[in-house]
Each structure stands twice: as structure tokens, then as C-alpha cells.
Amino acid sequence: MKLPDDPALATATLDTPIGRLRLAATEAGLAAVLFANQKDIAFPKREGSAKARAHLDKAVNALNRYFEGKQTDFAGLTLAAEGTAFQKSVWAALARIPFGETRSYRDIACAIGNPKGVRAVGLANGRNPLPIIVPCHRVIGADGSLTGFGGGLPTKKWLLEFEGIETPSFV
């Protein structure tokens, strides 16, 4: 993933129970949420435009409320993730997974009308630029196993357990 090349881009960092998150927004909306382990993605410190900063401030507030246990969805945020039409359809399906519930990759493939597209769904899930906000952590293997996650499996496990979902032991 690469941050949008936009002079209005605003960035911020947020300390959370799962580590420092880096957020970026454009005037169109929230564009990226990065985990601390995603050091390979250039992340310039940018004040950005007032409109981009407003999107960013709203996202920071929503994430703080989520981690305080006071918010279970992010429906009020304006999102501006860049991706293909297929990726956006997968991300929209992810956004509909309720707090405290999980879905399999096959469930998502069926939800977007492409039941044979399980692998493609997995790839799109892995390219989600807005983790937590678009809850890709709620997607698990068909057998209930925890599968890859940009923030690492311990972070995925923490997020699921924070939402009240029992997870299998691993490692």
C-alpha cells in the first residue's frame, strides 16, 4: 500500500492497546490506517488541509471510543480507500460484519455474489487500507482458525477477544 500523493493529506499517530496506529486522510475522507509493524510504508508527518484534518480528527475520536469500549462501528466516518472495484466490494462486505461476529472468506465471497472467489477475497482482505475501521480482523478461516493479518496474528487475536470472540490458541 502507498499513501495517496495529495498535497491536502493529513497524518496523525494514535497510541492504542495494540500499539501505535498511523492514520492518513485526504479531503475525500480517511485513506489509511497503518500498524506499527508496517514500517515499509512511507508516512510523512503532514498537517494537511482543514478538511482532511477534520476527517482525521473524527477517525481518531472514533478509534479512541472503540478502544474504550464505547463504540462498536465506524458508520459515521467518511472513507476514501483507494482500490479496484472488486476490492471495494470486498471492503464493503467487511464493513457489514457486526462487532463481535466473524465471517469466513467463503462467507464474504458469497456475500459479494462470487462464491468461487475465495482466494481473490483473501487477497482483497489483505490489501484493506483501513483495518479496524473496515474490520478485516473479523475474517477467519473456514475451520475457525486465525489467518493472516497486517497487524500480526497476536493483534488479530487481541481485537477479536476485545470484541468478545473466543479465539483458538496458536504458536
N, C-alpha and C. Protein backbone atom coordinates (compact mmCIF):
# COMPACT_ATOMS: atom_id res chain seq x y z
N MET A 1 0.84 -1.18 0.00
CA MET A 1 0.00 0.00 0.00
C MET A 1 0.88 1.24 0.00
N LYS A 2 0.37 2.26 -0.62
CA LYS A 2 1.06 3.54 -0.69
C LYS A 2 0.04 4.62 -0.33
N LEU A 3 0.48 5.60 0.43
CA LEU A 3 -0.42 6.70 0.77
C LEU A 3 -0.71 7.54 -0.48
N PRO A 4 -1.89 8.13 -0.55
CA PRO A 4 -2.21 8.97 -1.70
C PRO A 4 -1.23 10.12 -1.83
N ASP A 5 -0.86 10.44 -3.07
CA ASP A 5 0.00 11.59 -3.33
C ASP A 5 -0.91 12.80 -3.44
N ASP A 6 -1.16 13.44 -2.33
CA ASP A 6 -2.16 14.50 -2.24
C ASP A 6 -1.62 15.60 -1.34
N PRO A 7 -1.50 16.82 -1.85
CA PRO A 7 -0.96 17.91 -1.02
C PRO A 7 -1.83 18.22 0.20
N ALA A 8 -3.10 17.82 0.18
CA ALA A 8 -4.00 18.08 1.31
C ALA A 8 -3.91 16.99 2.38
N LEU A 9 -3.13 15.93 2.12
CA LEU A 9 -3.03 14.79 3.02
C LEU A 9 -2.66 15.23 4.44
N ALA A 10 -3.43 14.71 5.41
CA ALA A 10 -3.15 14.96 6.83
C ALA A 10 -2.83 13.61 7.48
N THR A 11 -1.87 13.61 8.40
CA THR A 11 -1.49 12.37 9.08
C THR A 11 -1.50 12.58 10.59
N ALA A 12 -1.64 11.47 11.30
CA ALA A 12 -1.62 11.50 12.76
C ALA A 12 -1.21 10.14 13.27
N THR A 13 -0.75 10.09 14.50
CA THR A 13 -0.48 8.83 15.17
C THR A 13 -1.38 8.73 16.39
N LEU A 14 -1.69 7.50 16.76
CA LEU A 14 -2.58 7.25 17.87
C LEU A 14 -2.06 6.06 18.67
N ASP A 15 -1.80 6.26 19.94
CA ASP A 15 -1.38 5.16 20.80
C ASP A 15 -2.62 4.41 21.27
N THR A 16 -2.59 3.07 21.10
CA THR A 16 -3.72 2.22 21.43
C THR A 16 -3.24 0.99 22.20
N PRO A 17 -4.14 0.20 22.72
CA PRO A 17 -3.74 -1.03 23.40
C PRO A 17 -3.01 -2.03 22.49
N ILE A 18 -3.13 -1.89 21.18
CA ILE A 18 -2.45 -2.79 20.25
C ILE A 18 -1.22 -2.14 19.63
N GLY A 19 -0.80 -1.01 20.17
CA GLY A 19 0.37 -0.31 19.66
C GLY A 19 -0.02 0.97 18.95
N ARG A 20 0.98 1.62 18.44
CA ARG A 20 0.77 2.89 17.76
C ARG A 20 0.18 2.66 16.37
N LEU A 21 -0.91 3.35 16.09
CA LEU A 21 -1.51 3.35 14.76
C LEU A 21 -1.15 4.66 14.07
N ARG A 22 -0.96 4.59 12.77
CA ARG A 22 -0.73 5.79 11.96
C ARG A 22 -1.92 5.93 11.02
N LEU A 23 -2.48 7.12 10.97
CA LEU A 23 -3.67 7.38 10.16
C LEU A 23 -3.38 8.47 9.15
N ALA A 24 -4.04 8.37 8.01
CA ALA A 24 -3.91 9.39 6.97
C ALA A 24 -5.29 9.67 6.38
N ALA A 25 -5.54 10.93 6.08
CA ALA A 25 -6.81 11.33 5.47
C ALA A 25 -6.56 12.36 4.38
N THR A 26 -7.43 12.33 3.39
CA THR A 26 -7.44 13.34 2.35
C THR A 26 -8.72 14.15 2.52
N GLU A 27 -8.94 15.11 1.65
CA GLU A 27 -10.18 15.87 1.72
C GLU A 27 -11.39 14.99 1.43
N ALA A 28 -11.18 13.85 0.77
CA ALA A 28 -12.28 12.93 0.44
C ALA A 28 -12.66 12.05 1.64
N GLY A 29 -11.75 11.87 2.61
CA GLY A 29 -12.05 11.04 3.77
C GLY A 29 -10.82 10.30 4.28
N LEU A 30 -11.04 9.39 5.22
CA LEU A 30 -9.96 8.60 5.80
C LEU A 30 -9.40 7.67 4.73
N ALA A 31 -8.08 7.70 4.55
CA ALA A 31 -7.46 6.94 3.46
C ALA A 31 -6.65 5.75 3.93
N ALA A 32 -6.11 5.78 5.16
CA ALA A 32 -5.25 4.69 5.61
C ALA A 32 -5.17 4.62 7.12
N VAL A 33 -5.06 3.38 7.61
CA VAL A 33 -4.73 3.09 9.00
C VAL A 33 -3.60 2.07 8.92
N LEU A 34 -2.47 2.41 9.51
CA LEU A 34 -1.30 1.54 9.46
C LEU A 34 -0.91 1.09 10.86
N PHE A 35 -0.47 -0.16 10.96
CA PHE A 35 0.02 -0.69 12.23
C PHE A 35 1.49 -0.32 12.40
N ALA A 36 1.96 -0.38 13.62
CA ALA A 36 3.35 -0.03 13.93
C ALA A 36 4.33 -0.92 13.16
N ASN A 37 3.95 -2.18 12.90
CA ASN A 37 4.87 -3.09 12.21
C ASN A 37 4.95 -2.83 10.70
N GLN A 38 4.14 -1.93 10.18
CA GLN A 38 4.16 -1.63 8.75
C GLN A 38 5.13 -0.48 8.48
N LYS A 39 6.38 -0.71 8.78
CA LYS A 39 7.41 0.32 8.68
C LYS A 39 7.87 0.56 7.24
N ASP A 40 7.51 -0.34 6.33
CA ASP A 40 7.94 -0.21 4.94
C ASP A 40 7.13 0.83 4.16
N ILE A 41 6.09 1.35 4.76
CA ILE A 41 5.24 2.33 4.08
C ILE A 41 5.64 3.73 4.53
N ALA A 42 6.05 4.54 3.58
CA ALA A 42 6.46 5.92 3.90
C ALA A 42 5.28 6.65 4.53
N PHE A 43 5.56 7.34 5.61
CA PHE A 43 4.49 8.02 6.34
C PHE A 43 4.98 9.40 6.78
N PRO A 44 4.86 10.38 5.89
CA PRO A 44 5.32 11.73 6.24
C PRO A 44 4.39 12.39 7.25
N LYS A 45 4.97 13.17 8.13
CA LYS A 45 4.15 13.94 9.07
C LYS A 45 3.61 15.15 8.30
N ARG A 46 2.28 15.23 8.21
CA ARG A 46 1.67 16.30 7.42
C ARG A 46 0.47 16.87 8.15
N GLU A 47 0.41 18.17 8.26
CA GLU A 47 -0.75 18.84 8.86
C GLU A 47 -1.95 18.73 7.93
N GLY A 48 -1.72 18.87 6.63
CA GLY A 48 -2.78 18.73 5.64
C GLY A 48 -3.77 19.88 5.67
N SER A 49 -4.79 19.75 4.86
CA SER A 49 -5.82 20.79 4.79
C SER A 49 -6.78 20.66 5.96
N ALA A 50 -7.55 21.69 6.20
CA ALA A 50 -8.52 21.68 7.30
C ALA A 50 -9.57 20.58 7.08
N LYS A 51 -9.98 20.38 5.83
CA LYS A 51 -10.98 19.36 5.54
C LYS A 51 -10.42 17.95 5.80
N ALA A 52 -9.18 17.70 5.36
CA ALA A 52 -8.55 16.40 5.62
C ALA A 52 -8.35 16.21 7.11
N ARG A 53 -7.93 17.25 7.80
CA ARG A 53 -7.70 17.18 9.25
C ARG A 53 -9.02 16.87 9.97
N ALA A 54 -10.14 17.40 9.50
CA ALA A 54 -11.44 17.12 10.13
C ALA A 54 -11.78 15.63 10.02
N HIS A 55 -11.53 15.03 8.84
CA HIS A 55 -11.75 13.59 8.68
C HIS A 55 -10.85 12.80 9.64
N LEU A 56 -9.60 13.24 9.73
CA LEU A 56 -8.63 12.57 10.59
C LEU A 56 -9.02 12.67 12.05
N ASP A 57 -9.41 13.85 12.49
CA ASP A 57 -9.81 14.04 13.89
C ASP A 57 -11.02 13.18 14.25
N LYS A 58 -11.95 13.08 13.32
CA LYS A 58 -13.15 12.26 13.56
C LYS A 58 -12.77 10.78 13.69
N ALA A 59 -11.82 10.33 12.86
CA ALA A 59 -11.37 8.93 12.92
C ALA A 59 -10.62 8.65 14.22
N VAL A 60 -9.76 9.57 14.63
CA VAL A 60 -9.02 9.41 15.89
C VAL A 60 -10.00 9.31 17.06
N ASN A 61 -10.99 10.18 17.07
CA ASN A 61 -12.00 10.15 18.13
C ASN A 61 -12.77 8.82 18.12
N ALA A 62 -13.15 8.35 16.95
CA ALA A 62 -13.89 7.09 16.84
C ALA A 62 -13.04 5.91 17.30
N LEU A 63 -11.78 5.88 16.93
CA LEU A 63 -10.90 4.79 17.37
C LEU A 63 -10.68 4.84 18.88
N ASN A 64 -10.51 6.03 19.43
CA ASN A 64 -10.38 6.14 20.88
C ASN A 64 -11.62 5.57 21.57
N ARG A 65 -12.79 5.90 21.06
CA ARG A 65 -14.05 5.40 21.64
C ARG A 65 -14.15 3.88 21.47
N TYR A 66 -13.71 3.36 20.35
CA TYR A 66 -13.70 1.91 20.13
C TYR A 66 -12.84 1.23 21.19
N PHE A 67 -11.62 1.71 21.37
CA PHE A 67 -10.71 1.08 22.33
C PHE A 67 -11.13 1.30 23.78
N GLU A 68 -11.98 2.28 24.03
CA GLU A 68 -12.55 2.47 25.37
C GLU A 68 -13.79 1.60 25.57
N GLY A 69 -14.20 0.87 24.54
CA GLY A 69 -15.39 0.03 24.62
C GLY A 69 -16.68 0.81 24.51
N LYS A 70 -16.62 2.01 23.97
CA LYS A 70 -17.80 2.88 23.87
C LYS A 70 -18.37 2.98 22.46
N GLN A 71 -17.72 2.34 21.48
CA GLN A 71 -18.18 2.43 20.09
C GLN A 71 -17.95 1.09 19.43
N THR A 72 -18.93 0.60 18.69
CA THR A 72 -18.81 -0.71 18.06
C THR A 72 -18.82 -0.67 16.53
N ASP A 73 -19.02 0.49 15.95
CA ASP A 73 -18.92 0.59 14.49
C ASP A 73 -18.39 1.96 14.10
N PHE A 74 -18.08 2.08 12.84
CA PHE A 74 -17.48 3.31 12.33
C PHE A 74 -18.30 3.90 11.20
N ALA A 75 -19.61 3.67 11.25
CA ALA A 75 -20.52 4.09 10.18
C ALA A 75 -20.49 5.59 9.93
N GLY A 76 -20.16 6.39 10.93
CA GLY A 76 -20.18 7.84 10.76
C GLY A 76 -18.96 8.43 10.09
N LEU A 77 -17.97 7.60 9.77
CA LEU A 77 -16.75 8.11 9.14
C LEU A 77 -16.88 8.14 7.63
N THR A 78 -16.25 9.10 7.01
CA THR A 78 -16.16 9.16 5.56
C THR A 78 -14.87 8.47 5.16
N LEU A 79 -14.98 7.42 4.35
CA LEU A 79 -13.82 6.63 3.97
C LEU A 79 -13.43 6.92 2.53
N ALA A 80 -12.13 6.95 2.28
CA ALA A 80 -11.62 7.25 0.95
C ALA A 80 -10.49 6.29 0.59
N ALA A 81 -10.73 5.00 0.78
CA ALA A 81 -9.73 3.99 0.46
C ALA A 81 -9.62 3.84 -1.05
N GLU A 82 -8.40 3.75 -1.53
CA GLU A 82 -8.18 3.55 -2.96
C GLU A 82 -8.04 2.07 -3.24
N GLY A 83 -8.75 1.59 -4.26
CA GLY A 83 -8.68 0.18 -4.63
C GLY A 83 -9.49 -0.08 -5.88
N THR A 84 -9.43 -1.32 -6.34
CA THR A 84 -10.19 -1.71 -7.52
C THR A 84 -11.67 -1.85 -7.14
N ALA A 85 -12.51 -1.96 -8.13
CA ALA A 85 -13.95 -2.15 -7.87
C ALA A 85 -14.17 -3.43 -7.07
N PHE A 86 -13.43 -4.50 -7.40
CA PHE A 86 -13.57 -5.76 -6.67
C PHE A 86 -13.13 -5.58 -5.21
N GLN A 87 -11.98 -4.96 -4.99
CA GLN A 87 -11.52 -4.73 -3.63
C GLN A 87 -12.54 -3.93 -2.83
N LYS A 88 -13.08 -2.90 -3.44
CA LYS A 88 -14.06 -2.07 -2.74
C LYS A 88 -15.32 -2.86 -2.40
N SER A 89 -15.70 -3.81 -3.27
CA SER A 89 -16.88 -4.63 -2.96
C SER A 89 -16.59 -5.54 -1.76
N VAL A 90 -15.38 -6.08 -1.69
CA VAL A 90 -14.99 -6.90 -0.54
C VAL A 90 -14.96 -6.05 0.72
N TRP A 91 -14.35 -4.87 0.64
CA TRP A 91 -14.25 -4.00 1.82
C TRP A 91 -15.64 -3.58 2.30
N ALA A 92 -16.55 -3.36 1.37
CA ALA A 92 -17.93 -3.01 1.77
C ALA A 92 -18.57 -4.18 2.53
N ALA A 93 -18.31 -5.41 2.06
CA ALA A 93 -18.84 -6.58 2.77
C ALA A 93 -18.21 -6.72 4.15
N LEU A 94 -16.92 -6.43 4.26
CA LEU A 94 -16.26 -6.48 5.56
C LEU A 94 -16.89 -5.48 6.52
N ALA A 95 -17.19 -4.31 6.01
CA ALA A 95 -17.76 -3.24 6.85
C ALA A 95 -19.12 -3.63 7.41
N ARG A 96 -19.78 -4.61 6.79
CA ARG A 96 -21.09 -5.06 7.28
C ARG A 96 -21.00 -6.17 8.33
N ILE A 97 -19.80 -6.65 8.64
CA ILE A 97 -19.66 -7.68 9.67
C ILE A 97 -19.85 -7.00 11.02
N PRO A 98 -20.86 -7.39 11.78
CA PRO A 98 -21.12 -6.72 13.05
C PRO A 98 -20.01 -6.94 14.09
N PHE A 99 -19.88 -5.97 14.97
CA PHE A 99 -18.98 -6.07 16.11
C PHE A 99 -19.29 -7.38 16.86
N GLY A 100 -18.23 -8.11 17.22
CA GLY A 100 -18.42 -9.33 17.98
C GLY A 100 -18.78 -10.55 17.16
N GLU A 101 -18.73 -10.45 15.84
CA GLU A 101 -19.03 -11.59 14.97
C GLU A 101 -17.89 -11.78 13.98
N THR A 102 -17.79 -12.98 13.44
CA THR A 102 -16.79 -13.26 12.42
C THR A 102 -17.46 -13.84 11.18
N ARG A 103 -16.72 -13.83 10.09
CA ARG A 103 -17.15 -14.46 8.85
C ARG A 103 -15.93 -15.15 8.25
N SER A 104 -16.18 -16.15 7.42
CA SER A 104 -15.09 -16.82 6.70
C SER A 104 -14.89 -16.10 5.36
N TYR A 105 -13.78 -16.42 4.73
CA TYR A 105 -13.53 -15.86 3.40
C TYR A 105 -14.63 -16.31 2.44
N ARG A 106 -15.09 -17.54 2.57
CA ARG A 106 -16.18 -18.04 1.72
C ARG A 106 -17.45 -17.23 1.98
N ASP A 107 -17.74 -16.93 3.24
CA ASP A 107 -18.92 -16.11 3.55
C ASP A 107 -18.86 -14.78 2.81
N ILE A 108 -17.69 -14.17 2.81
CA ILE A 108 -17.54 -12.86 2.13
C ILE A 108 -17.68 -13.04 0.63
N ALA A 109 -17.08 -14.10 0.08
CA ALA A 109 -17.20 -14.36 -1.36
C ALA A 109 -18.67 -14.51 -1.76
N CYS A 110 -19.42 -15.25 -0.96
CA CYS A 110 -20.85 -15.43 -1.24
C CYS A 110 -21.61 -14.11 -1.09
N ALA A 111 -21.23 -13.33 -0.09
CA ALA A 111 -21.92 -12.05 0.16
C ALA A 111 -21.76 -11.08 -1.00
N ILE A 112 -20.66 -11.18 -1.74
CA ILE A 112 -20.47 -10.28 -2.88
C ILE A 112 -20.89 -10.94 -4.19
N GLY A 113 -21.50 -12.13 -4.10
CA GLY A 113 -22.01 -12.79 -5.29
C GLY A 113 -20.95 -13.51 -6.11
N ASN A 114 -19.84 -13.89 -5.48
CA ASN A 114 -18.76 -14.56 -6.18
C ASN A 114 -18.27 -15.75 -5.34
N PRO A 115 -19.11 -16.79 -5.18
CA PRO A 115 -18.76 -17.89 -4.27
C PRO A 115 -17.47 -18.63 -4.62
N LYS A 116 -17.01 -18.53 -5.85
CA LYS A 116 -15.75 -19.19 -6.23
C LYS A 116 -14.55 -18.27 -6.05
N GLY A 117 -14.78 -17.06 -5.60
CA GLY A 117 -13.70 -16.09 -5.48
C GLY A 117 -13.06 -16.02 -4.11
N VAL A 118 -12.97 -17.14 -3.42
CA VAL A 118 -12.46 -17.14 -2.04
C VAL A 118 -11.02 -16.62 -1.99
N ARG A 119 -10.17 -17.08 -2.89
CA ARG A 119 -8.76 -16.61 -2.88
C ARG A 119 -8.68 -15.12 -3.20
N ALA A 120 -9.45 -14.67 -4.15
CA ALA A 120 -9.45 -13.26 -4.50
C ALA A 120 -9.95 -12.41 -3.33
N VAL A 121 -10.93 -12.93 -2.61
CA VAL A 121 -11.43 -12.24 -1.41
C VAL A 121 -10.30 -12.14 -0.38
N GLY A 122 -9.55 -13.23 -0.22
CA GLY A 122 -8.42 -13.21 0.71
C GLY A 122 -7.39 -12.15 0.34
N LEU A 123 -7.10 -12.03 -0.95
CA LEU A 123 -6.14 -11.02 -1.40
C LEU A 123 -6.66 -9.61 -1.16
N ALA A 124 -7.93 -9.40 -1.46
CA ALA A 124 -8.53 -8.07 -1.24
C ALA A 124 -8.57 -7.74 0.25
N ASN A 125 -8.88 -8.74 1.06
CA ASN A 125 -8.90 -8.57 2.50
C ASN A 125 -7.52 -8.12 2.99
N GLY A 126 -6.48 -8.75 2.46
CA GLY A 126 -5.12 -8.42 2.85
C GLY A 126 -4.66 -7.06 2.39
N ARG A 127 -5.34 -6.49 1.43
CA ARG A 127 -4.97 -5.15 0.93
C ARG A 127 -5.87 -4.05 1.50
N ASN A 128 -6.68 -4.39 2.48
CA ASN A 128 -7.56 -3.42 3.12
C ASN A 128 -6.70 -2.31 3.75
N PRO A 129 -6.84 -1.07 3.26
CA PRO A 129 -6.02 0.01 3.82
C PRO A 129 -6.59 0.62 5.10
N LEU A 130 -7.75 0.13 5.55
CA LEU A 130 -8.39 0.71 6.74
C LEU A 130 -8.73 -0.36 7.79
N PRO A 131 -7.72 -1.14 8.22
CA PRO A 131 -8.03 -2.17 9.22
C PRO A 131 -8.63 -1.56 10.47
N ILE A 132 -9.37 -2.34 11.18
CA ILE A 132 -10.17 -1.99 12.36
C ILE A 132 -11.40 -1.22 11.91
N ILE A 133 -11.23 -0.11 11.18
CA ILE A 133 -12.36 0.68 10.67
C ILE A 133 -13.19 -0.20 9.74
N VAL A 134 -12.53 -0.83 8.78
CA VAL A 134 -13.14 -1.84 7.90
C VAL A 134 -12.59 -3.16 8.46
N PRO A 135 -13.41 -3.87 9.24
CA PRO A 135 -12.92 -4.90 10.15
C PRO A 135 -12.46 -6.22 9.51
N CYS A 136 -11.34 -6.17 8.81
CA CYS A 136 -10.79 -7.38 8.21
C CYS A 136 -10.34 -8.37 9.28
N HIS A 137 -10.13 -7.90 10.50
CA HIS A 137 -9.75 -8.83 11.59
C HIS A 137 -10.88 -9.80 11.92
N ARG A 138 -12.08 -9.50 11.49
CA ARG A 138 -13.23 -10.37 11.77
C ARG A 138 -13.38 -11.50 10.76
N VAL A 139 -12.44 -11.59 9.81
CA VAL A 139 -12.47 -12.67 8.82
C VAL A 139 -11.49 -13.75 9.26
N ILE A 140 -12.01 -14.97 9.37
CA ILE A 140 -11.21 -16.10 9.84
C ILE A 140 -11.32 -17.25 8.85
N GLY A 141 -10.50 -18.27 9.05
CA GLY A 141 -10.55 -19.44 8.18
C GLY A 141 -11.86 -20.19 8.36
N ALA A 142 -12.23 -20.98 7.37
CA ALA A 142 -13.48 -21.75 7.41
C ALA A 142 -13.52 -22.71 8.60
N ASP A 143 -12.32 -23.13 9.07
CA ASP A 143 -12.24 -24.04 10.21
C ASP A 143 -12.16 -23.29 11.55
N GLY A 144 -12.33 -21.97 11.51
CA GLY A 144 -12.28 -21.17 12.72
C GLY A 144 -10.89 -20.70 13.09
N SER A 145 -9.90 -21.02 12.27
CA SER A 145 -8.52 -20.63 12.58
C SER A 145 -8.28 -19.16 12.27
N LEU A 146 -7.33 -18.60 12.99
CA LEU A 146 -6.91 -17.23 12.70
C LEU A 146 -5.98 -17.29 11.50
N THR A 147 -6.20 -16.42 10.56
CA THR A 147 -5.37 -16.38 9.35
C THR A 147 -4.67 -15.04 9.29
N GLY A 148 -3.84 -14.84 8.30
CA GLY A 148 -3.01 -13.65 8.18
C GLY A 148 -3.70 -12.34 8.50
N PHE A 149 -2.90 -11.41 9.00
CA PHE A 149 -3.41 -10.09 9.37
C PHE A 149 -2.25 -9.12 9.33
N GLY A 150 -2.46 -7.95 8.73
CA GLY A 150 -1.40 -6.95 8.59
C GLY A 150 -0.77 -6.53 9.90
N GLY A 151 -1.54 -6.55 10.96
CA GLY A 151 -1.01 -6.16 12.27
C GLY A 151 -0.40 -7.32 13.03
N GLY A 152 -0.42 -8.52 12.42
CA GLY A 152 0.11 -9.72 13.06
C GLY A 152 -0.99 -10.49 13.77
N LEU A 153 -0.82 -11.80 13.88
CA LEU A 153 -1.84 -12.65 14.50
C LEU A 153 -2.10 -12.32 15.97
N PRO A 154 -1.08 -11.97 16.77
CA PRO A 154 -1.40 -11.59 18.16
C PRO A 154 -2.34 -10.38 18.23
N THR A 155 -2.17 -9.43 17.31
CA THR A 155 -3.05 -8.26 17.28
C THR A 155 -4.46 -8.67 16.86
N LYS A 156 -4.56 -9.54 15.86
CA LYS A 156 -5.87 -10.03 15.42
C LYS A 156 -6.57 -10.73 16.58
N LYS A 157 -5.85 -11.59 17.27
CA LYS A 157 -6.40 -12.31 18.42
C LYS A 157 -6.87 -11.33 19.48
N TRP A 158 -6.07 -10.30 19.77
CA TRP A 158 -6.45 -9.30 20.77
C TRP A 158 -7.74 -8.60 20.36
N LEU A 159 -7.82 -8.16 19.11
CA LEU A 159 -9.01 -7.44 18.63
C LEU A 159 -10.26 -8.31 18.74
N LEU A 160 -10.15 -9.56 18.31
CA LEU A 160 -11.31 -10.46 18.37
C LEU A 160 -11.73 -10.70 19.82
N GLU A 161 -10.78 -10.93 20.69
CA GLU A 161 -11.12 -11.17 22.10
C GLU A 161 -11.67 -9.90 22.75
N PHE A 162 -11.15 -8.74 22.36
CA PHE A 162 -11.68 -7.47 22.84
C PHE A 162 -13.16 -7.32 22.47
N GLU A 163 -13.52 -7.86 21.30
CA GLU A 163 -14.90 -7.81 20.84
C GLU A 163 -15.73 -8.97 21.38
N GLY A 164 -15.14 -9.80 22.26
CA GLY A 164 -15.89 -10.88 22.89
C GLY A 164 -15.92 -12.18 22.12
N ILE A 165 -15.02 -12.35 21.17
CA ILE A 165 -14.98 -13.56 20.35
C ILE A 165 -13.89 -14.48 20.88
N GLU A 166 -14.27 -15.72 21.17
CA GLU A 166 -13.28 -16.70 21.61
C GLU A 166 -12.41 -17.07 20.42
N THR A 167 -11.11 -17.16 20.66
CA THR A 167 -10.18 -17.49 19.58
C THR A 167 -9.37 -18.72 19.96
N PRO A 168 -8.92 -19.45 18.94
CA PRO A 168 -8.07 -20.61 19.23
C PRO A 168 -6.67 -20.16 19.65
N SER A 169 -6.01 -21.01 20.38
CA SER A 169 -4.61 -20.74 20.72
C SER A 169 -3.77 -20.98 19.48
N PHE A 170 -2.67 -20.31 19.38
CA PHE A 170 -1.74 -20.52 18.28
C PHE A 170 -0.33 -20.33 18.78
N VAL A 171 0.62 -20.77 17.99
CA VAL A 171 2.07 -20.70 18.24
C VAL A 171 2.48 -21.44 19.45
